[in-house]
Protein backbone atom coordinates (compact mmCIF):
# COMPACT_ATOMS: atom_id res chain seq x y z
CA MET A 1 128.22 78.52 45.80
CA LEU A 2 129.57 74.96 46.16
CA SER A 3 130.70 75.66 49.72
CA THR A 4 127.14 76.72 50.59
CA VAL A 5 125.75 73.55 48.99
CA LEU A 6 128.13 71.40 51.03
CA LYS A 7 127.25 73.27 54.22
CA HIS A 8 123.53 72.83 53.57
CA LEU A 9 123.93 69.17 52.67
CA ALA A 10 125.86 68.42 55.85
CA ARG A 11 123.06 70.01 57.86
CA LEU A 12 120.35 68.15 55.94
CA VAL A 13 122.05 64.78 56.40
CA ALA A 14 122.36 65.42 60.14
CA PHE A 15 118.57 65.47 60.42
CA ASP A 16 117.48 61.83 60.85
CA THR A 17 114.34 61.99 58.74
CA THR A 18 113.82 58.25 58.37
CA SER A 19 110.18 57.93 57.30
CA ARG A 20 109.08 56.52 60.66
CA LEU A 21 110.30 59.74 62.37
CA SER A 22 109.23 63.37 62.23
CA ASN A 23 110.72 65.74 59.66
CA LEU A 24 109.69 68.92 61.49
CA ALA A 25 113.21 69.89 62.58
CA LEU A 26 114.39 69.81 58.97
CA ILE A 27 111.35 71.73 57.75
CA ASP A 28 111.83 74.37 60.44
CA TRP A 29 115.49 74.79 59.42
CA ALA A 30 114.61 75.00 55.70
CA GLU A 31 111.84 77.50 56.47
CA ARG A 32 114.36 79.77 58.19
CA GLN A 33 116.70 79.58 55.19
CA LEU A 34 113.89 80.56 52.85
CA GLN A 35 112.47 83.28 55.11
CA ALA A 36 115.74 85.14 54.66
CA THR A 37 115.02 85.33 50.91
CA GLY A 38 111.54 86.78 51.35
CA ALA A 39 109.90 83.69 49.86
CA ARG A 40 106.14 83.29 50.34
CA MET A 41 105.63 80.00 52.20
CA ARG A 42 102.92 77.53 53.11
CA LEU A 43 103.03 74.46 55.36
CA THR A 44 100.74 71.43 55.21
CA PHE A 45 100.76 68.78 57.93
CA ASN A 46 99.83 65.16 58.49
CA GLU A 47 96.87 64.47 60.78
CA GLU A 48 99.09 64.13 63.85
CA ARG A 49 101.01 67.31 62.93
CA THR A 50 104.25 65.40 63.38
CA LYS A 51 105.31 65.88 59.75
CA ALA A 52 105.02 68.74 57.30
CA ASN A 53 105.37 69.71 53.67
CA LEU A 54 106.82 73.10 52.82
CA PHE A 55 106.01 75.08 49.69
CA ALA A 56 107.86 78.32 48.96
CA LEU A 57 107.35 80.72 46.07
CA ILE A 58 109.89 83.23 44.81
CA GLY A 59 108.93 85.67 42.07
CA PRO A 60 105.80 87.24 40.55
CA GLU A 61 102.35 86.27 41.82
CA GLY A 62 99.56 84.92 39.64
CA VAL A 63 101.94 83.50 37.03
CA PRO A 64 102.32 79.70 36.64
CA ALA A 65 105.46 78.61 38.49
CA ILE A 66 108.22 76.17 37.72
CA VAL A 67 108.44 74.02 40.86
CA LEU A 68 111.60 72.33 42.14
CA SER A 69 110.46 69.39 44.26
CA GLY A 70 112.20 67.03 46.67
CA HIS A 71 111.22 64.69 49.47
CA THR A 72 112.77 65.13 52.90
CA ASP A 73 112.42 61.57 54.23
CA VAL A 74 115.01 58.83 53.87
CA VAL A 75 114.97 55.05 54.14
CA PRO A 76 116.17 53.27 57.31
CA VAL A 77 119.76 52.27 57.96
CA ASP A 78 118.71 49.32 60.17
CA GLY A 79 120.84 46.25 59.54
CA GLN A 80 123.24 48.08 57.22
CA VAL A 81 126.99 48.25 57.85
CA TRP A 82 128.40 51.72 57.18
CA GLN A 83 132.06 52.78 57.09
CA SER A 84 131.08 56.13 58.65
CA PRO A 85 128.08 57.36 60.68
CA PRO A 86 125.10 57.43 58.28
CA PHE A 87 123.74 60.74 59.61
CA GLU A 88 127.04 62.56 59.43
CA MET A 89 128.26 63.74 56.02
CA VAL A 90 131.80 62.51 55.33
CA GLN A 91 133.89 63.49 52.31
CA ARG A 92 136.21 60.93 50.69
CA GLU A 93 137.81 61.09 47.24
CA GLY A 94 135.33 63.47 45.66
CA ARG A 95 132.30 61.76 47.20
CA LEU A 96 130.01 62.83 50.01
CA TYR A 97 128.78 59.92 52.12
CA GLY A 98 125.68 59.88 54.29
CA ARG A 99 122.07 58.74 54.27
CA GLY A 100 120.09 60.85 51.83
CA THR A 101 123.06 62.44 50.07
CA ALA A 102 121.86 61.02 46.75
CA ASP A 103 118.21 60.35 47.57
CA MET A 104 117.55 63.23 47.64
CA LYS A 105 119.00 65.79 50.01
CA GLY A 106 121.75 66.65 47.52
CA PHE A 107 119.14 68.20 45.23
CA ILE A 108 117.47 70.00 48.13
CA ALA A 109 120.84 71.43 49.23
CA CYS A 110 121.44 72.79 45.72
CA VAL A 111 117.99 74.38 45.56
CA LEU A 112 118.29 76.01 48.99
CA ALA A 113 121.79 77.30 48.18
CA LEU A 114 120.46 78.96 45.03
CA ALA A 115 117.34 80.39 46.67
CA PRO A 116 119.02 83.75 47.50
CA HIS A 117 120.04 84.03 43.81
CA PHE A 118 116.47 83.33 42.75
CA ALA A 119 115.30 86.04 45.17
CA ARG A 120 117.73 88.60 43.76
CA LEU A 121 116.44 87.89 40.26
CA ALA A 122 112.88 88.34 41.52
CA GLU A 123 113.71 91.61 43.28
CA SER A 124 115.24 92.97 40.06
CA GLY A 125 112.02 92.18 38.20
CA CYS A 126 113.87 89.75 35.99
CA LEU A 127 111.85 86.58 36.63
CA VAL A 128 108.90 86.21 34.27
CA ARG A 129 107.88 83.00 36.04
CA PRO A 130 108.11 82.36 39.78
CA ILE A 131 110.21 79.51 41.12
CA GLY A 132 108.46 77.20 43.56
CA ILE A 133 110.27 75.00 46.07
CA ALA A 134 108.35 71.96 47.33
CA LEU A 135 109.64 69.79 50.18
CA SER A 136 107.49 66.77 51.05
CA TYR A 137 107.35 64.03 53.69
CA ASP A 138 106.84 60.25 53.45
CA GLU A 139 107.72 59.74 49.80
CA GLU A 140 109.63 56.58 50.65
CA VAL A 141 106.55 54.89 52.13
CA GLY A 142 104.10 55.54 49.33
CA CYS A 143 104.35 59.18 48.15
CA LEU A 144 102.01 60.11 51.02
CA GLY A 145 102.89 63.64 52.03
CA VAL A 146 103.01 65.34 48.65
CA ARG A 147 99.31 64.63 48.11
CA GLY A 148 98.44 67.19 50.77
CA LEU A 149 100.86 69.72 49.27
CA ILE A 150 99.31 69.30 45.81
CA ASP A 151 95.78 69.57 47.20
CA ASP A 152 96.75 72.79 49.00
CA LEU A 153 98.18 74.32 45.82
CA LYS A 154 94.93 73.55 44.02
CA ARG A 155 92.76 74.92 46.85
CA GLN A 156 94.79 78.13 46.96
CA GLY A 157 94.70 78.53 43.19
CA ILE A 158 98.49 78.63 42.92
CA PRO A 159 99.19 77.92 39.23
CA VAL A 160 102.01 75.54 38.24
CA ALA A 161 103.46 75.43 34.73
CA GLY A 162 105.70 72.48 35.45
CA CYS A 163 107.48 70.54 38.15
CA ILE A 164 111.03 69.17 38.24
CA ILE A 165 111.37 66.24 40.65
CA GLY A 166 115.00 66.15 41.76
CA GLU A 167 115.42 62.40 42.24
CA PRO A 168 118.94 61.11 41.46
CA THR A 169 119.11 60.69 37.67
CA GLU A 170 122.76 61.78 37.13
CA MET A 171 121.30 65.01 35.71
CA GLN A 172 119.73 63.12 32.82
CA PRO A 173 116.00 63.71 32.30
CA VAL A 174 113.60 60.89 33.14
CA ILE A 175 110.38 61.38 31.18
CA ALA A 176 108.50 58.23 32.23
CA HIS A 177 108.36 55.72 35.03
CA LYS A 178 106.27 52.77 36.11
CA GLY A 179 103.53 52.96 38.70
CA ILE A 180 103.74 50.95 41.89
CA ALA A 181 101.07 49.43 44.11
CA HIS A 182 101.43 47.31 47.25
CA TYR A 183 98.70 45.05 48.61
CA ARG A 184 98.48 43.08 51.83
CA CYS A 185 96.67 39.74 51.73
CA ARG A 186 95.43 38.29 55.05
CA ILE A 187 94.44 34.63 55.19
CA THR A 188 92.47 33.35 58.18
CA GLY A 189 92.23 29.57 58.56
CA ARG A 190 91.63 27.30 61.54
CA ALA A 191 94.27 26.13 63.98
CA ALA A 192 94.58 22.44 64.85
CA HIS A 193 97.10 19.99 66.25
CA SER A 194 99.32 18.97 63.39
CA SER A 195 98.39 15.31 63.96
CA LEU A 196 94.83 16.32 63.05
CA THR A 197 95.51 18.39 59.96
CA PRO A 198 92.19 17.56 58.22
CA GLN A 199 90.38 19.37 61.06
CA GLY A 200 92.31 22.57 60.46
CA VAL A 201 92.69 25.01 57.56
CA ASN A 202 96.34 25.78 56.87
CA ALA A 203 96.58 29.53 56.23
CA ILE A 204 100.18 29.30 55.06
CA GLU A 205 99.40 26.69 52.43
CA TYR A 206 96.49 28.73 51.06
CA ALA A 207 98.73 31.79 51.03
CA ALA A 208 101.27 29.75 49.07
CA ARG A 209 98.66 28.90 46.45
CA LEU A 210 97.78 32.57 46.06
CA ILE A 211 101.45 33.52 45.83
CA VAL A 212 101.91 30.96 43.05
CA HIS A 213 98.90 32.46 41.25
CA ILE A 214 100.48 35.94 41.46
CA ARG A 215 103.73 34.50 40.19
CA GLN A 216 101.90 33.01 37.22
CA LEU A 217 100.41 36.43 36.44
CA ALA A 218 103.95 37.86 36.50
CA GLU A 219 105.24 35.15 34.18
CA ALA A 220 102.41 35.81 31.74
CA GLU A 221 103.32 39.50 31.65
CA ALA A 222 106.98 38.67 31.07
CA ALA A 223 106.11 36.26 28.27
CA SER A 224 103.36 38.09 26.40
CA GLY A 225 102.45 41.34 28.15
CA ALA A 226 102.81 44.87 26.79
CA ARG A 227 106.36 46.04 26.11
CA HIS A 228 108.04 49.43 26.21
CA ALA A 229 111.61 49.40 24.93
CA LEU A 230 112.58 52.58 26.82
CA TYR A 231 112.53 50.72 30.17
CA ASP A 232 115.32 48.58 31.57
CA VAL A 233 112.62 46.04 32.53
CA PRO A 234 110.29 46.58 29.56
CA PHE A 235 107.14 44.90 30.94
CA THR A 236 104.86 45.04 33.99
CA THR A 237 106.18 43.06 36.97
CA LEU A 238 104.65 41.49 40.08
CA GLN A 239 106.39 39.96 43.07
CA THR A 240 105.74 38.92 46.68
CA GLY A 241 107.96 40.81 49.12
CA THR A 242 107.07 39.58 52.62
CA VAL A 243 105.33 36.56 54.17
CA ASN A 244 104.45 36.08 57.85
CA GLY A 245 102.52 33.26 59.49
CA GLY A 246 102.42 30.27 61.76
CA THR A 247 103.19 29.64 65.42
CA ALA A 248 105.02 26.32 65.66
CA PRO A 249 105.84 23.36 63.40
CA ASN A 250 103.27 21.15 65.15
CA ILE A 251 100.34 23.59 64.86
CA VAL A 252 98.25 23.99 61.73
CA PRO A 253 98.61 27.75 61.21
CA LYS A 254 95.48 29.82 61.58
CA ASP A 255 96.91 33.07 60.19
CA CYS A 256 99.19 34.14 57.39
CA GLU A 257 99.69 37.40 55.58
CA PHE A 258 101.86 38.47 52.69
CA VAL A 259 102.50 41.68 50.78
CA PHE A 260 102.87 41.75 47.02
CA GLU A 261 103.56 44.56 44.61
CA CYS A 262 102.86 45.47 41.02
CA ARG A 263 104.99 47.82 38.93
CA TRP A 264 103.12 48.65 35.78
CA LEU A 265 103.86 50.48 32.56
CA PRO A 266 102.08 53.76 31.82
CA GLY A 267 98.80 52.96 30.10
CA SER A 268 98.44 49.58 31.82
CA ASP A 269 95.68 48.75 34.30
CA PRO A 270 97.07 47.38 37.59
CA ASP A 271 93.56 46.67 38.92
CA ARG A 272 93.25 43.66 36.65
CA PHE A 273 95.90 41.82 38.66
CA LEU A 274 94.14 42.43 41.96
CA ALA A 275 90.88 41.36 40.31
CA SER A 276 92.47 38.10 39.16
CA ALA A 277 93.95 37.41 42.59
CA SER A 278 90.61 38.22 44.24
CA ALA A 279 88.71 35.89 41.94
CA TYR A 280 91.10 33.04 42.69
CA ALA A 281 90.89 33.88 46.40
CA ALA A 282 87.10 33.51 46.24
CA GLU A 283 87.56 29.96 44.90
CA LEU A 284 89.98 29.16 47.71
CA GLU A 285 87.63 30.64 50.30
CA ARG A 286 84.86 28.26 49.31
CA GLU A 287 87.25 25.37 49.76
CA MET A 288 88.44 26.67 53.14
CA GLN A 289 84.93 27.36 54.43
CA ALA A 290 83.83 23.82 53.69
CA VAL A 291 86.02 22.90 56.69
CA ALA A 292 85.94 26.17 58.68
CA PRO A 293 83.06 28.59 57.97
CA GLU A 294 84.98 31.34 59.76
CA ALA A 295 87.90 31.11 57.30
CA GLY A 296 88.51 33.88 54.80
CA ILE A 297 90.87 35.88 52.59
CA ARG A 298 91.04 39.68 52.55
CA PHE A 299 93.06 42.13 50.46
CA GLU A 300 94.14 45.57 51.70
CA PRO A 301 95.67 48.25 49.45
CA LEU A 302 98.76 49.79 51.03
CA VAL A 303 100.52 51.95 48.44
CA HIS A 304 99.48 53.39 45.11
CA CYS A 305 101.83 55.68 43.17
CA PRO A 306 100.65 56.30 39.61
CA ALA A 307 102.77 55.70 36.55
CA PHE A 308 104.23 58.77 34.87
CA GLU A 309 104.76 59.95 31.32
CA ALA A 310 105.89 63.50 30.61
CA GLU A 311 103.34 65.63 28.81
CA GLU A 312 104.53 66.28 25.28
CA GLY A 313 104.90 69.99 24.56
CA SER A 314 104.64 71.05 28.22
CA ALA A 315 106.46 74.16 29.44
CA VAL A 316 108.75 72.11 31.66
CA LEU A 317 109.88 69.93 28.74
CA LYS A 318 110.53 73.03 26.66
CA TYR A 319 112.83 74.33 29.37
CA LEU A 320 114.67 71.00 29.52
CA GLU A 321 115.08 70.90 25.76
CA ALA A 322 116.45 74.44 25.76
CA LEU A 323 118.87 73.59 28.57
CA GLY A 324 120.25 70.37 27.17
CA GLY A 325 117.69 68.16 25.50
CA ALA A 326 114.83 66.10 26.90
CA THR A 327 113.67 64.38 23.75
CA SER A 328 115.96 61.41 24.46
CA GLY A 329 114.94 61.15 28.11
CA GLN A 330 115.02 57.89 30.01
CA ALA A 331 112.29 55.72 31.47
CA VAL A 332 112.81 53.92 34.78
CA ALA A 333 111.18 51.19 36.83
CA TYR A 334 111.19 53.01 40.17
CA ALA A 335 108.37 55.40 41.13
CA THR A 336 108.49 59.08 42.13
CA GLU A 337 106.10 61.89 43.02
CA ALA A 338 106.03 62.96 39.35
CA GLY A 339 102.97 60.85 38.59
CA LEU A 340 100.95 62.62 41.30
CA PHE A 341 101.91 66.09 40.05
CA GLN A 342 101.07 65.00 36.51
CA GLU A 343 97.68 63.59 37.59
CA ALA A 344 96.92 66.96 39.21
CA GLY A 345 97.52 68.78 35.91
CA MET A 346 101.03 69.93 36.81
CA PRO A 347 103.35 68.67 34.03
CA ALA A 348 106.44 67.04 35.48
CA VAL A 349 109.86 65.62 34.67
CA VAL A 350 112.42 63.87 36.89
CA LEU A 351 115.97 65.24 36.95
CA GLY A 352 118.50 65.55 39.72
CA PRO A 353 122.07 64.92 40.87
CA GLY A 354 123.45 61.57 41.98
CA SER A 355 122.76 58.00 40.95
CA ILE A 356 119.80 55.83 41.88
CA ARG A 357 122.34 52.99 42.17
CA GLN A 358 123.55 54.56 45.41
CA ALA A 359 120.11 55.14 46.89
CA HIS A 360 118.96 53.02 49.87
CA ARG A 361 122.37 51.32 50.16
CA PRO A 362 124.91 51.38 52.99
CA ASP A 363 127.57 54.03 52.38
CA GLU A 364 125.19 56.01 50.18
CA TYR A 365 127.07 58.82 48.46
CA ILE A 366 126.86 61.58 45.90
CA GLU A 367 129.75 62.85 43.81
CA ILE A 368 130.69 66.48 44.30
CA ALA A 369 130.81 66.80 40.50
CA GLN A 370 127.12 65.93 40.38
CA LEU A 371 126.28 68.73 42.81
CA GLU A 372 128.33 71.16 40.71
CA ALA A 373 126.43 70.06 37.60
CA CYS A 374 123.12 70.55 39.40
CA VAL A 375 124.05 74.06 40.58
CA ASP A 376 125.09 74.99 37.04
CA TRP A 377 121.85 73.58 35.59
CA LEU A 378 119.64 75.38 38.12
CA GLY A 379 121.50 78.61 37.43
CA ARG A 380 120.87 78.25 33.71
CA LEU A 381 117.21 77.45 34.39
CA ALA A 382 116.88 80.70 36.37
CA GLU A 383 118.44 82.61 33.48
CA ARG A 384 115.95 81.01 31.11
CA LEU A 385 113.08 82.02 33.40
CA CYS A 386 114.29 85.62 33.01
CA GLN A 387 113.94 85.55 29.24
CA GLN A 388 110.85 86.70 27.39
CA GLY A 389 109.47 84.94 24.33
CA GLU A 390 108.70 81.28 23.89
CA PHE A 391 109.52 80.50 27.51
CA GLY A 392 107.98 83.61 29.00
CA LYS A 393 104.69 84.11 30.76
CA GLY A 394 102.49 82.37 28.21
């Protein structure tokens, strides 16, 4: 089985599925692997039909499935220095190097390698729940693709008992994570010769004042905001990630834009931060427009991935507890597609091979031992799905 996993992973890494590119070649390859098992499959596309989600179902119809979910896109390698080609899997000292090995093609390789085993169990009539396989696009740029996949499942009336998101957690269950939102702020001022600064409106300086306001909101959260001890950063955070503006040192800049993010704890309301920034922006606008009536400040939402907390008593948590314990699961600051599944009434948990510490970095790798642990765990899950009783069809 491990040799099949390694073969699949090498093929998956060779597909450059950086989010700005198409993932159709990978999806077509995965579809062929799953067709051989007799899986029932559905595809959902982006508007341009340059990217696709794949959903496959193995096992009885009409029974709520346990879904194994992974995203097919990876982050860019631009500007990173790698010891080996990033889109070629290389094995060194028990590690497999390549973009996406940990995040999260290692999990996908394990699932696809086990798909024929799942099919054999289904053919024997053993499975009391079907196993779903969900492969999505554009997770890395805002969990965009999986929304269409989830909507399609709901439209088709395909029931889901639970979803396991195979992000790299070192095979330890993650039962909660923060939400994440990105906003772009565009400031329009008035250009002027820098010797005549009072006649202009400096967009960069007004952006700086807004950035300081957002920083003050962040400091207030760190000092006195809600706390959750399960998280490594136990409070809601805000930060400004990019700033662009200006033309030359001797021109009062007309335009500036920046992007800031919020990562909030489950149960918190991220909209209050945007509301505070917008209220302060309205004060600044009045000041700007006293000099330049055309001046203004606009906010644009870019990304919104909801926070996630596992649903107590859900079928998927019962399986995890039976297979090794989920009551002591972790909480993390990064976001996944789990919150979207959970919002759609599909209870979720995050668990997969590899370490998040290796994700997005040059020389990304996954340990072979982690893949072996994942294969073993998925095999035991399939056995559990063949057992009647507490974890049966109910």
